[in-house]
Amino acid sequence: MTPQNHQVTLYHCPYTRSSGALALLEELGADYQLHVMNMKSGDQRKPKFLAINPMGKVPTITHGDAVVTEQVSVYLYLADLYPEAELAPPLGDPLRGPYLRWMVFYGTCFEPAVVDRAQKRIPAPAATSPYGDFDTMLKTLVEQLEKGPWILGERFTAADVLWGSALNWTTQFGLIPQIPVIKDYIARFIQRPGYVRALAKDAELAASQA
């Protein structure tokens, strides 16, 4: 591929789930454009964006004629698009399976469990719940983080951008307990140059929308 057809467009609202995708783009050294929307003005629900993503959600990216939606899909796509950044173990790498496991665990177990708890819903029976129960989900994640320093051990990957971003905001809102292993993981992540640059961009964008 040439640098030109690496370029992607991120549909982005400051201080939302797409902020993690912005941090990933920065970590990848990606060639990208931002299409910034104002969530307070409801830009994500207007026909122009709904024609791209009928769910009206960010992050959404376009790459040529491809439209990629859903947070985990966006991360997987971007990390594979920029293999030179080495943030996604390639096929054949022993870490590829664990990498996919922890990417998908976020969407299938962690976020549903957190949303149920935030909404104070009565959990479904463990046998029919996508995540079993909250305590088991959290224990599984914590045991993986204890192997550290990153989700796959010594190797920093796009999975850490996903998990670092998610744990940062869920602990701030009291949805996940700030136990030492989680606090230490977040502290390492928020020092990453890509996250620092993305945070600065979000602050500037949010100020311009205020």
N, C-alpha and C. Protein backbone atom coordinates (compact mmCIF):
# COMPACT_ATOMS: atom_id res chain seq x y z
N MET A 1 0.83 -1.20 0.00
CA MET A 1 0.00 0.00 0.00
C MET A 1 0.87 1.25 0.00
N THR A 2 0.38 2.29 -0.62
CA THR A 2 1.05 3.58 -0.56
C THR A 2 0.48 4.35 0.61
N PRO A 3 1.23 5.35 1.11
CA PRO A 3 0.70 6.13 2.22
C PRO A 3 -0.66 6.73 1.93
N GLN A 4 -0.91 7.06 0.63
CA GLN A 4 -2.16 7.71 0.30
C GLN A 4 -3.36 6.81 0.61
N ASN A 5 -3.28 5.51 0.28
CA ASN A 5 -4.44 4.69 0.55
C ASN A 5 -4.44 4.07 1.93
N HIS A 6 -3.53 4.53 2.78
CA HIS A 6 -3.63 4.24 4.20
C HIS A 6 -4.57 5.24 4.89
N GLN A 7 -4.86 6.37 4.25
CA GLN A 7 -5.57 7.43 4.96
C GLN A 7 -7.00 7.02 5.33
N VAL A 8 -7.37 7.34 6.56
CA VAL A 8 -8.72 7.06 7.04
C VAL A 8 -9.33 8.36 7.56
N THR A 9 -10.64 8.35 7.65
CA THR A 9 -11.37 9.46 8.27
C THR A 9 -12.06 8.93 9.51
N LEU A 10 -11.83 9.60 10.63
CA LEU A 10 -12.49 9.24 11.89
C LEU A 10 -13.62 10.23 12.16
N TYR A 11 -14.81 9.71 12.27
CA TYR A 11 -15.96 10.51 12.70
C TYR A 11 -15.92 10.54 14.22
N HIS A 12 -15.78 11.74 14.76
CA HIS A 12 -15.35 11.87 16.14
C HIS A 12 -16.14 12.91 16.90
N CYS A 13 -16.52 12.54 18.14
CA CYS A 13 -17.07 13.50 19.09
C CYS A 13 -16.12 13.55 20.27
N PRO A 14 -15.67 14.72 20.67
CA PRO A 14 -14.72 14.82 21.79
C PRO A 14 -15.25 14.19 23.07
N TYR A 15 -14.33 13.57 23.81
CA TYR A 15 -14.63 12.97 25.11
C TYR A 15 -15.74 11.91 25.03
N THR A 16 -15.64 11.06 24.02
CA THR A 16 -16.56 9.94 23.88
C THR A 16 -15.71 8.69 23.59
N ARG A 17 -16.38 7.59 23.26
CA ARG A 17 -15.65 6.37 22.92
C ARG A 17 -14.69 6.57 21.75
N SER A 18 -14.99 7.54 20.88
CA SER A 18 -14.10 7.75 19.74
C SER A 18 -12.79 8.41 20.16
N SER A 19 -12.70 8.89 21.39
CA SER A 19 -11.44 9.45 21.87
C SER A 19 -10.37 8.36 21.95
N GLY A 20 -10.76 7.15 22.29
CA GLY A 20 -9.82 6.04 22.28
C GLY A 20 -9.32 5.73 20.89
N ALA A 21 -10.22 5.79 19.91
CA ALA A 21 -9.82 5.56 18.52
C ALA A 21 -8.85 6.65 18.06
N LEU A 22 -9.08 7.88 18.52
CA LEU A 22 -8.16 8.97 18.21
C LEU A 22 -6.78 8.69 18.81
N ALA A 23 -6.75 8.21 20.05
CA ALA A 23 -5.48 7.86 20.68
C ALA A 23 -4.78 6.74 19.91
N LEU A 24 -5.56 5.78 19.41
CA LEU A 24 -4.96 4.70 18.63
C LEU A 24 -4.36 5.23 17.33
N LEU A 25 -5.06 6.11 16.66
CA LEU A 25 -4.52 6.71 15.44
C LEU A 25 -3.20 7.42 15.71
N GLU A 26 -3.13 8.10 16.84
CA GLU A 26 -1.89 8.77 17.21
C GLU A 26 -0.78 7.76 17.52
N GLU A 27 -1.11 6.69 18.23
CA GLU A 27 -0.12 5.65 18.52
C GLU A 27 0.39 4.98 17.25
N LEU A 28 -0.49 4.83 16.27
CA LEU A 28 -0.12 4.19 15.01
C LEU A 28 0.69 5.10 14.10
N GLY A 29 0.70 6.40 14.40
CA GLY A 29 1.31 7.34 13.46
C GLY A 29 0.55 7.36 12.16
N ALA A 30 -0.77 7.22 12.25
CA ALA A 30 -1.62 7.05 11.08
C ALA A 30 -1.80 8.35 10.30
N ASP A 31 -2.11 8.16 9.03
CA ASP A 31 -2.51 9.26 8.15
C ASP A 31 -4.03 9.34 8.25
N TYR A 32 -4.53 10.36 8.95
CA TYR A 32 -5.97 10.40 9.16
C TYR A 32 -6.50 11.82 9.09
N GLN A 33 -7.80 11.88 8.83
CA GLN A 33 -8.53 13.13 8.90
C GLN A 33 -9.62 12.98 9.95
N LEU A 34 -9.93 14.08 10.63
CA LEU A 34 -11.00 14.07 11.61
C LEU A 34 -12.25 14.73 11.02
N HIS A 35 -13.36 14.06 11.16
CA HIS A 35 -14.65 14.68 10.87
C HIS A 35 -15.30 14.88 12.24
N VAL A 36 -15.21 16.08 12.76
CA VAL A 36 -15.62 16.36 14.13
C VAL A 36 -17.10 16.71 14.18
N MET A 37 -17.78 16.09 15.13
CA MET A 37 -19.20 16.36 15.33
C MET A 37 -19.43 16.81 16.76
N ASN A 38 -20.51 17.55 16.95
CA ASN A 38 -20.86 18.05 18.27
C ASN A 38 -22.02 17.22 18.80
N MET A 39 -21.72 16.38 19.80
CA MET A 39 -22.76 15.50 20.34
C MET A 39 -23.86 16.30 21.02
N LYS A 40 -23.51 17.42 21.67
CA LYS A 40 -24.52 18.23 22.35
C LYS A 40 -25.52 18.83 21.37
N SER A 41 -25.07 19.03 20.13
CA SER A 41 -25.96 19.54 19.10
C SER A 41 -26.68 18.43 18.35
N GLY A 42 -26.37 17.19 18.71
CA GLY A 42 -27.03 16.05 18.07
C GLY A 42 -26.54 15.75 16.67
N ASP A 43 -25.29 16.16 16.35
CA ASP A 43 -24.78 15.93 14.99
C ASP A 43 -24.78 14.45 14.62
N GLN A 44 -24.58 13.59 15.62
CA GLN A 44 -24.48 12.16 15.34
C GLN A 44 -25.84 11.55 14.98
N ARG A 45 -26.90 12.32 15.16
CA ARG A 45 -28.25 11.82 14.85
C ARG A 45 -28.84 12.48 13.61
N LYS A 46 -28.03 13.28 12.94
CA LYS A 46 -28.52 13.97 11.75
C LYS A 46 -28.38 13.09 10.51
N PRO A 47 -29.22 13.31 9.51
CA PRO A 47 -29.26 12.42 8.34
C PRO A 47 -27.91 12.21 7.67
N LYS A 48 -27.07 13.24 7.62
CA LYS A 48 -25.80 13.12 6.92
C LYS A 48 -24.93 12.03 7.53
N PHE A 49 -24.88 11.97 8.88
CA PHE A 49 -24.08 10.93 9.52
C PHE A 49 -24.82 9.60 9.54
N LEU A 50 -26.13 9.62 9.71
CA LEU A 50 -26.90 8.38 9.73
C LEU A 50 -26.82 7.65 8.39
N ALA A 51 -26.56 8.39 7.32
CA ALA A 51 -26.37 7.75 6.02
C ALA A 51 -25.09 6.93 6.00
N ILE A 52 -24.14 7.28 6.86
CA ILE A 52 -22.88 6.54 6.97
C ILE A 52 -23.00 5.43 8.00
N ASN A 53 -23.51 5.77 9.17
CA ASN A 53 -23.71 4.79 10.23
C ASN A 53 -25.13 4.96 10.77
N PRO A 54 -26.05 4.11 10.36
CA PRO A 54 -27.45 4.26 10.79
C PRO A 54 -27.63 4.16 12.30
N MET A 55 -26.65 3.60 13.01
CA MET A 55 -26.75 3.52 14.46
C MET A 55 -26.41 4.85 15.13
N GLY A 56 -25.82 5.78 14.39
CA GLY A 56 -25.51 7.09 14.94
C GLY A 56 -24.46 7.05 16.03
N LYS A 57 -23.47 6.15 15.88
CA LYS A 57 -22.48 5.96 16.93
C LYS A 57 -21.07 6.31 16.45
N VAL A 58 -20.27 6.76 17.40
CA VAL A 58 -18.84 6.92 17.17
C VAL A 58 -18.12 6.00 18.16
N PRO A 59 -16.92 5.52 17.77
CA PRO A 59 -16.18 5.84 16.56
C PRO A 59 -16.74 5.14 15.33
N THR A 60 -16.66 5.85 14.22
CA THR A 60 -16.91 5.30 12.89
C THR A 60 -15.76 5.78 12.03
N ILE A 61 -15.24 4.89 11.19
CA ILE A 61 -14.19 5.31 10.26
C ILE A 61 -14.59 4.95 8.85
N THR A 62 -14.05 5.72 7.91
CA THR A 62 -14.14 5.36 6.50
C THR A 62 -12.73 5.26 5.96
N HIS A 63 -12.55 4.28 5.09
CA HIS A 63 -11.26 4.06 4.44
C HIS A 63 -11.56 3.69 3.00
N GLY A 64 -11.38 4.67 2.11
CA GLY A 64 -11.84 4.44 0.74
C GLY A 64 -13.34 4.26 0.75
N ASP A 65 -13.81 3.16 0.16
CA ASP A 65 -15.24 2.88 0.13
C ASP A 65 -15.71 2.10 1.36
N ALA A 66 -14.78 1.69 2.20
CA ALA A 66 -15.15 0.89 3.38
C ALA A 66 -15.63 1.78 4.51
N VAL A 67 -16.69 1.33 5.15
CA VAL A 67 -17.18 1.96 6.37
C VAL A 67 -17.04 0.94 7.49
N VAL A 68 -16.36 1.34 8.56
CA VAL A 68 -16.15 0.43 9.68
C VAL A 68 -16.78 1.06 10.92
N THR A 69 -17.70 0.33 11.52
CA THR A 69 -18.37 0.78 12.74
C THR A 69 -18.10 -0.24 13.85
N GLU A 70 -18.56 0.06 15.03
CA GLU A 70 -18.41 -0.76 16.24
C GLU A 70 -16.97 -0.63 16.75
N GLN A 71 -16.88 -0.25 18.00
CA GLN A 71 -15.61 0.15 18.60
C GLN A 71 -14.49 -0.87 18.40
N VAL A 72 -14.75 -2.12 18.75
CA VAL A 72 -13.69 -3.12 18.65
C VAL A 72 -13.30 -3.35 17.20
N SER A 73 -14.27 -3.36 16.28
CA SER A 73 -13.95 -3.52 14.85
C SER A 73 -13.05 -2.40 14.36
N VAL A 74 -13.31 -1.19 14.81
CA VAL A 74 -12.50 -0.04 14.41
C VAL A 74 -11.05 -0.23 14.86
N TYR A 75 -10.86 -0.66 16.10
CA TYR A 75 -9.51 -0.88 16.61
C TYR A 75 -8.79 -1.98 15.83
N LEU A 76 -9.49 -3.08 15.61
CA LEU A 76 -8.88 -4.19 14.88
C LEU A 76 -8.49 -3.78 13.47
N TYR A 77 -9.38 -3.05 12.81
CA TYR A 77 -9.13 -2.64 11.44
C TYR A 77 -7.93 -1.70 11.36
N LEU A 78 -7.91 -0.71 12.23
CA LEU A 78 -6.83 0.28 12.19
C LEU A 78 -5.48 -0.35 12.51
N ALA A 79 -5.42 -1.18 13.52
CA ALA A 79 -4.14 -1.78 13.89
C ALA A 79 -3.60 -2.68 12.79
N ASP A 80 -4.50 -3.38 12.08
CA ASP A 80 -4.05 -4.21 10.96
C ASP A 80 -3.68 -3.38 9.74
N LEU A 81 -4.29 -2.21 9.59
CA LEU A 81 -4.00 -1.35 8.44
C LEU A 81 -2.59 -0.79 8.52
N TYR A 82 -2.07 -0.63 9.73
CA TYR A 82 -0.73 -0.08 9.94
C TYR A 82 0.17 -1.11 10.62
N PRO A 83 0.50 -2.20 9.92
CA PRO A 83 1.30 -3.26 10.54
C PRO A 83 2.68 -2.80 10.97
N GLU A 84 3.20 -1.76 10.30
CA GLU A 84 4.54 -1.28 10.64
C GLU A 84 4.62 -0.73 12.06
N ALA A 85 3.46 -0.34 12.62
CA ALA A 85 3.44 0.17 14.00
C ALA A 85 3.52 -0.97 15.03
N GLU A 86 3.29 -2.18 14.57
CA GLU A 86 3.41 -3.39 15.41
C GLU A 86 2.51 -3.33 16.65
N LEU A 87 1.29 -2.83 16.46
CA LEU A 87 0.33 -2.80 17.57
C LEU A 87 -0.70 -3.92 17.46
N ALA A 88 -0.55 -4.78 16.44
CA ALA A 88 -1.43 -5.94 16.29
C ALA A 88 -0.57 -7.14 15.94
N PRO A 89 -0.52 -8.16 16.78
CA PRO A 89 0.22 -9.37 16.42
C PRO A 89 -0.35 -9.95 15.13
N PRO A 90 0.49 -10.26 14.14
CA PRO A 90 -0.01 -10.77 12.87
C PRO A 90 -0.43 -12.23 12.97
N LEU A 91 -1.11 -12.71 11.93
CA LEU A 91 -1.45 -14.13 11.86
C LEU A 91 -0.17 -14.95 11.96
N GLY A 92 -0.22 -15.99 12.75
CA GLY A 92 0.96 -16.82 12.95
C GLY A 92 1.74 -16.47 14.20
N ASP A 93 1.55 -15.25 14.71
CA ASP A 93 2.19 -14.85 15.96
C ASP A 93 1.46 -15.52 17.11
N PRO A 94 2.17 -16.11 18.07
CA PRO A 94 1.51 -16.77 19.20
C PRO A 94 0.59 -15.85 19.99
N LEU A 95 0.81 -14.54 19.89
CA LEU A 95 -0.03 -13.60 20.64
C LEU A 95 -1.29 -13.18 19.89
N ARG A 96 -1.42 -13.63 18.62
CA ARG A 96 -2.59 -13.21 17.85
C ARG A 96 -3.90 -13.67 18.50
N GLY A 97 -3.95 -14.92 18.93
CA GLY A 97 -5.17 -15.42 19.57
C GLY A 97 -5.50 -14.69 20.86
N PRO A 98 -4.53 -14.57 21.79
CA PRO A 98 -4.82 -13.79 23.01
C PRO A 98 -5.21 -12.34 22.72
N TYR A 99 -4.59 -11.74 21.71
CA TYR A 99 -4.92 -10.37 21.32
C TYR A 99 -6.38 -10.28 20.91
N LEU A 100 -6.83 -11.19 20.06
CA LEU A 100 -8.23 -11.18 19.63
C LEU A 100 -9.15 -11.48 20.80
N ARG A 101 -8.72 -12.39 21.66
CA ARG A 101 -9.54 -12.73 22.82
C ARG A 101 -9.84 -11.50 23.66
N TRP A 102 -8.80 -10.72 23.98
CA TRP A 102 -9.01 -9.59 24.89
C TRP A 102 -9.66 -8.41 24.20
N MET A 103 -9.51 -8.30 22.91
CA MET A 103 -10.28 -7.28 22.18
C MET A 103 -11.77 -7.61 22.25
N VAL A 104 -12.11 -8.86 21.95
CA VAL A 104 -13.51 -9.24 21.90
C VAL A 104 -14.12 -9.33 23.30
N PHE A 105 -13.32 -9.72 24.29
CA PHE A 105 -13.79 -9.78 25.68
C PHE A 105 -14.34 -8.42 26.12
N TYR A 106 -13.71 -7.36 25.64
CA TYR A 106 -14.19 -6.03 26.00
C TYR A 106 -15.65 -5.85 25.57
N GLY A 107 -15.94 -6.15 24.29
CA GLY A 107 -17.28 -5.90 23.77
C GLY A 107 -18.33 -6.90 24.21
N THR A 108 -17.93 -8.16 24.44
CA THR A 108 -18.91 -9.19 24.74
C THR A 108 -19.12 -9.40 26.24
N CYS A 109 -18.14 -9.04 27.05
CA CYS A 109 -18.25 -9.28 28.49
C CYS A 109 -18.16 -8.00 29.32
N PHE A 110 -17.06 -7.25 29.13
CA PHE A 110 -16.83 -6.09 29.99
C PHE A 110 -17.91 -5.04 29.85
N GLU A 111 -18.13 -4.56 28.64
CA GLU A 111 -19.07 -3.44 28.49
C GLU A 111 -20.50 -3.84 28.84
N PRO A 112 -21.00 -5.01 28.42
CA PRO A 112 -22.36 -5.37 28.87
C PRO A 112 -22.49 -5.44 30.39
N ALA A 113 -21.46 -5.96 31.05
CA ALA A 113 -21.50 -6.05 32.52
C ALA A 113 -21.51 -4.67 33.15
N VAL A 114 -20.69 -3.76 32.63
CA VAL A 114 -20.62 -2.41 33.16
C VAL A 114 -21.93 -1.66 32.93
N VAL A 115 -22.51 -1.82 31.74
CA VAL A 115 -23.77 -1.13 31.44
C VAL A 115 -24.89 -1.64 32.34
N ASP A 116 -24.96 -2.95 32.53
CA ASP A 116 -25.99 -3.48 33.42
C ASP A 116 -25.85 -2.90 34.83
N ARG A 117 -24.60 -2.82 35.30
CA ARG A 117 -24.38 -2.30 36.65
C ARG A 117 -24.70 -0.80 36.71
N ALA A 118 -24.30 -0.05 35.69
CA ALA A 118 -24.57 1.39 35.68
C ALA A 118 -26.07 1.68 35.65
N GLN A 119 -26.82 0.83 34.93
CA GLN A 119 -28.26 1.02 34.82
C GLN A 119 -29.02 0.38 35.98
N LYS A 120 -28.26 -0.24 36.90
CA LYS A 120 -28.87 -0.92 38.07
C LYS A 120 -29.89 -1.97 37.64
N ARG A 121 -29.56 -2.66 36.56
CA ARG A 121 -30.43 -3.73 36.10
C ARG A 121 -30.20 -4.99 36.92
N ILE A 122 -31.24 -5.77 37.07
CA ILE A 122 -31.09 -7.06 37.70
C ILE A 122 -30.40 -7.99 36.70
N PRO A 123 -29.21 -8.52 37.03
CA PRO A 123 -28.49 -9.34 36.06
C PRO A 123 -29.28 -10.57 35.65
N ALA A 124 -29.10 -10.98 34.41
CA ALA A 124 -29.69 -12.22 33.95
C ALA A 124 -29.02 -13.39 34.67
N PRO A 125 -29.69 -14.53 34.75
CA PRO A 125 -29.03 -15.70 35.33
C PRO A 125 -27.71 -15.97 34.62
N ALA A 126 -26.71 -16.40 35.38
CA ALA A 126 -25.37 -16.58 34.81
C ALA A 126 -25.38 -17.48 33.58
N ALA A 127 -26.26 -18.45 33.54
CA ALA A 127 -26.30 -19.40 32.42
C ALA A 127 -26.77 -18.74 31.13
N THR A 128 -27.48 -17.61 31.22
CA THR A 128 -27.99 -16.95 30.02
C THR A 128 -27.36 -15.58 29.79
N SER A 129 -26.50 -15.15 30.71
CA SER A 129 -25.86 -13.84 30.58
C SER A 129 -24.65 -13.94 29.66
N PRO A 130 -24.42 -12.94 28.80
CA PRO A 130 -23.24 -12.99 27.92
C PRO A 130 -21.93 -12.92 28.67
N TYR A 131 -21.97 -12.41 29.92
CA TYR A 131 -20.73 -12.28 30.69
C TYR A 131 -20.74 -13.11 31.96
N GLY A 132 -21.73 -13.96 32.14
CA GLY A 132 -21.81 -14.76 33.35
C GLY A 132 -22.28 -13.91 34.52
N ASP A 133 -21.34 -13.39 35.27
CA ASP A 133 -21.68 -12.45 36.35
C ASP A 133 -20.55 -11.43 36.46
N PHE A 134 -20.87 -10.28 37.04
CA PHE A 134 -19.93 -9.16 37.08
C PHE A 134 -18.63 -9.53 37.79
N ASP A 135 -18.73 -10.18 38.92
CA ASP A 135 -17.53 -10.48 39.71
C ASP A 135 -16.58 -11.42 38.96
N THR A 136 -17.14 -12.40 38.27
CA THR A 136 -16.29 -13.31 37.50
C THR A 136 -15.62 -12.58 36.34
N MET A 137 -16.40 -11.73 35.68
CA MET A 137 -15.83 -10.93 34.58
C MET A 137 -14.67 -10.10 35.07
N LEU A 138 -14.86 -9.39 36.19
CA LEU A 138 -13.82 -8.50 36.71
C LEU A 138 -12.61 -9.30 37.18
N LYS A 139 -12.84 -10.41 37.85
CA LYS A 139 -11.74 -11.25 38.33
C LYS A 139 -10.90 -11.76 37.15
N THR A 140 -11.56 -12.15 36.06
CA THR A 140 -10.86 -12.63 34.88
C THR A 140 -9.96 -11.54 34.30
N LEU A 141 -10.48 -10.32 34.23
CA LEU A 141 -9.71 -9.20 33.72
C LEU A 141 -8.54 -8.86 34.64
N VAL A 142 -8.80 -8.78 35.93
CA VAL A 142 -7.75 -8.42 36.89
C VAL A 142 -6.61 -9.44 36.87
N GLU A 143 -6.94 -10.71 36.78
CA GLU A 143 -5.90 -11.74 36.73
C GLU A 143 -5.02 -11.57 35.50
N GLN A 144 -5.61 -11.13 34.39
CA GLN A 144 -4.81 -10.88 33.19
C GLN A 144 -3.93 -9.64 33.37
N LEU A 145 -4.48 -8.60 33.95
CA LEU A 145 -3.70 -7.38 34.17
C LEU A 145 -2.53 -7.62 35.12
N GLU A 146 -2.69 -8.52 36.04
CA GLU A 146 -1.62 -8.81 37.00
C GLU A 146 -0.38 -9.39 36.34
N LYS A 147 -0.55 -9.92 35.12
CA LYS A 147 0.61 -10.47 34.40
C LYS A 147 1.46 -9.34 33.84
N GLY A 148 0.89 -8.20 33.62
CA GLY A 148 1.43 -6.92 33.17
C GLY A 148 2.82 -6.95 32.53
N PRO A 149 3.29 -5.75 32.18
CA PRO A 149 2.66 -4.45 32.44
C PRO A 149 1.47 -4.14 31.54
N TRP A 150 1.32 -4.89 30.44
CA TRP A 150 0.23 -4.64 29.50
C TRP A 150 -0.68 -5.86 29.44
N ILE A 151 -1.74 -5.75 28.68
CA ILE A 151 -2.75 -6.80 28.66
C ILE A 151 -2.17 -8.12 28.14
N LEU A 152 -1.16 -8.04 27.26
CA LEU A 152 -0.52 -9.24 26.74
C LEU A 152 0.87 -9.44 27.34
N GLY A 153 1.11 -8.83 28.46
CA GLY A 153 2.42 -8.97 29.11
C GLY A 153 3.33 -7.81 28.77
N GLU A 154 4.49 -8.13 28.23
CA GLU A 154 5.47 -7.09 27.94
C GLU A 154 5.14 -6.27 26.70
N ARG A 155 4.29 -6.79 25.85
CA ARG A 155 4.04 -6.15 24.54
C ARG A 155 2.83 -5.23 24.59
N PHE A 156 3.04 -3.97 24.25
CA PHE A 156 1.95 -2.99 24.14
C PHE A 156 1.28 -3.16 22.79
N THR A 157 -0.06 -3.25 22.79
CA THR A 157 -0.80 -3.43 21.54
C THR A 157 -2.01 -2.51 21.52
N ALA A 158 -2.74 -2.56 20.40
CA ALA A 158 -3.98 -1.79 20.30
C ALA A 158 -4.97 -2.18 21.38
N ALA A 159 -4.87 -3.41 21.88
CA ALA A 159 -5.76 -3.83 22.97
C ALA A 159 -5.57 -2.95 24.20
N ASP A 160 -4.36 -2.47 24.41
CA ASP A 160 -4.11 -1.60 25.57
C ASP A 160 -4.70 -0.22 25.38
N VAL A 161 -4.79 0.23 24.14
CA VAL A 161 -5.46 1.51 23.90
C VAL A 161 -6.95 1.38 24.22
N LEU A 162 -7.51 0.26 23.82
CA LEU A 162 -8.92 -0.01 24.12
C LEU A 162 -9.16 -0.11 25.62
N TRP A 163 -8.37 -0.96 26.29
CA TRP A 163 -8.58 -1.19 27.72
C TRP A 163 -8.13 -0.01 28.57
N GLY A 164 -7.04 0.64 28.19
CA GLY A 164 -6.60 1.80 28.96
C GLY A 164 -7.64 2.90 28.93
N SER A 165 -8.19 3.16 27.75
CA SER A 165 -9.23 4.19 27.63
C SER A 165 -10.46 3.81 28.43
N ALA A 166 -10.88 2.55 28.30
CA ALA A 166 -12.12 2.11 28.96
C ALA A 166 -11.99 2.12 30.47
N LEU A 167 -10.88 1.60 30.98
CA LEU A 167 -10.71 1.56 32.43
C LEU A 167 -10.54 2.96 33.01
N ASN A 168 -9.95 3.84 32.23
CA ASN A 168 -9.78 5.22 32.71
C ASN A 168 -11.13 5.87 32.97
N TRP A 169 -12.06 5.75 32.03
CA TRP A 169 -13.34 6.42 32.25
C TRP A 169 -14.27 5.65 33.18
N THR A 170 -14.20 4.33 33.16
CA THR A 170 -15.10 3.57 34.04
C THR A 170 -14.71 3.70 35.51
N THR A 171 -13.42 3.84 35.78
CA THR A 171 -13.03 4.07 37.18
C THR A 171 -13.39 5.49 37.61
N GLN A 172 -13.26 6.46 36.70
CA GLN A 172 -13.62 7.83 37.05
C GLN A 172 -15.09 7.95 37.43
N PHE A 173 -15.93 7.13 36.79
CA PHE A 173 -17.37 7.17 37.08
C PHE A 173 -17.77 6.17 38.16
N GLY A 174 -16.79 5.51 38.76
CA GLY A 174 -17.08 4.59 39.84
C GLY A 174 -17.72 3.29 39.40
N LEU A 175 -17.61 2.96 38.12
CA LEU A 175 -18.22 1.73 37.62
C LEU A 175 -17.32 0.52 37.81
N ILE A 176 -16.02 0.78 37.90
CA ILE A 176 -15.02 -0.25 38.14
C ILE A 176 -14.20 0.19 39.34
N PRO A 177 -13.93 -0.71 40.28
CA PRO A 177 -13.18 -0.31 41.49
C PRO A 177 -11.73 0.07 41.17
N GLN A 178 -11.24 1.07 41.86
CA GLN A 178 -9.86 1.54 41.64
C GLN A 178 -8.89 0.74 42.51
N ILE A 179 -8.80 -0.54 42.23
CA ILE A 179 -7.86 -1.38 42.94
C ILE A 179 -6.46 -1.14 42.38
N PRO A 180 -5.41 -1.44 43.14
CA PRO A 180 -4.05 -1.07 42.72
C PRO A 180 -3.65 -1.54 41.32
N VAL A 181 -3.97 -2.78 40.95
CA VAL A 181 -3.52 -3.27 39.65
C VAL A 181 -4.18 -2.48 38.52
N ILE A 182 -5.42 -2.08 38.70
CA ILE A 182 -6.11 -1.29 37.68
C ILE A 182 -5.58 0.14 37.67
N LYS A 183 -5.38 0.72 38.83
CA LYS A 183 -4.84 2.08 38.91
C LYS A 183 -3.45 2.16 38.28
N ASP A 184 -2.62 1.17 38.53
CA ASP A 184 -1.27 1.17 37.98
C ASP A 184 -1.30 1.02 36.46
N TYR A 185 -2.20 0.19 35.97
CA TYR A 185 -2.34 0.00 34.52
C TYR A 185 -2.76 1.31 33.85
N ILE A 186 -3.75 1.96 34.43
CA ILE A 186 -4.21 3.24 33.88
C ILE A 186 -3.08 4.27 33.91
N ALA A 187 -2.35 4.32 35.00
CA ALA A 187 -1.26 5.29 35.13
C ALA A 187 -0.22 5.10 34.04
N ARG A 188 0.09 3.86 33.71
CA ARG A 188 1.04 3.60 32.61
C ARG A 188 0.46 4.06 31.29
N PHE A 189 -0.83 3.76 31.09
CA PHE A 189 -1.43 4.07 29.80
C PHE A 189 -1.53 5.57 29.55
N ILE A 190 -1.97 6.34 30.53
CA ILE A 190 -2.22 7.76 30.28
C ILE A 190 -0.92 8.55 30.10
N GLN A 191 0.22 7.90 30.31
CA GLN A 191 1.50 8.54 30.00
C GLN A 191 1.95 8.28 28.56
N ARG A 192 1.21 7.43 27.85
CA ARG A 192 1.59 7.13 26.48
C ARG A 192 1.50 8.39 25.61
N PRO A 193 2.47 8.61 24.73
CA PRO A 193 2.45 9.83 23.89
C PRO A 193 1.19 9.96 23.05
N GLY A 194 0.70 8.84 22.52
CA GLY A 194 -0.51 8.91 21.69
C GLY A 194 -1.71 9.37 22.48
N TYR A 195 -1.85 8.87 23.69
CA TYR A 195 -2.97 9.27 24.53
C TYR A 195 -2.84 10.75 24.91
N VAL A 196 -1.64 11.18 25.24
CA VAL A 196 -1.42 12.58 25.63
C VAL A 196 -1.79 13.51 24.47
N ARG A 197 -1.38 13.16 23.26
CA ARG A 197 -1.71 13.99 22.09
C ARG A 197 -3.21 14.00 21.82
N ALA A 198 -3.84 12.84 21.93
CA ALA A 198 -5.28 12.76 21.69
C ALA A 198 -6.05 13.57 22.72
N LEU A 199 -5.62 13.50 23.98
CA LEU A 199 -6.29 14.26 25.05
C LEU A 199 -6.19 15.75 24.79
N ALA A 200 -5.03 16.21 24.32
CA ALA A 200 -4.86 17.62 24.02
C ALA A 200 -5.77 18.05 22.87
N LYS A 201 -5.88 17.19 21.86
CA LYS A 201 -6.77 17.51 20.74
C LYS A 201 -8.22 17.57 21.20
N ASP A 202 -8.61 16.63 22.05
CA ASP A 202 -9.99 16.63 22.54
C ASP A 202 -10.29 17.88 23.35
N ALA A 203 -9.34 18.30 24.17
CA ALA A 203 -9.54 19.50 24.97
C ALA A 203 -9.76 20.71 24.07
N GLU A 204 -8.96 20.79 23.03
CA GLU A 204 -9.09 21.92 22.08
C GLU A 204 -10.43 21.86 21.35
N LEU A 205 -10.81 20.66 20.91
CA LEU A 205 -12.07 20.52 20.18
C LEU A 205 -13.27 20.82 21.08
N ALA A 206 -13.21 20.30 22.31
CA ALA A 206 -14.33 20.54 23.24
C ALA A 206 -14.45 22.02 23.56
N ALA A 207 -13.33 22.71 23.70
CA ALA A 207 -13.38 24.15 23.98
C ALA A 207 -14.00 24.91 22.83
N SER A 208 -13.72 24.47 21.61
CA SER A 208 -14.27 25.16 20.44
C SER A 208 -15.77 24.93 20.31
N GLN A 209 -16.27 23.85 20.94
CA GLN A 209 -17.70 23.56 20.86
C GLN A 209 -18.48 24.11 22.04
N ALA A 210 -17.76 24.59 23.04
CA ALA A 210 -18.43 25.06 24.26
C ALA A 210 -19.27 26.30 23.98
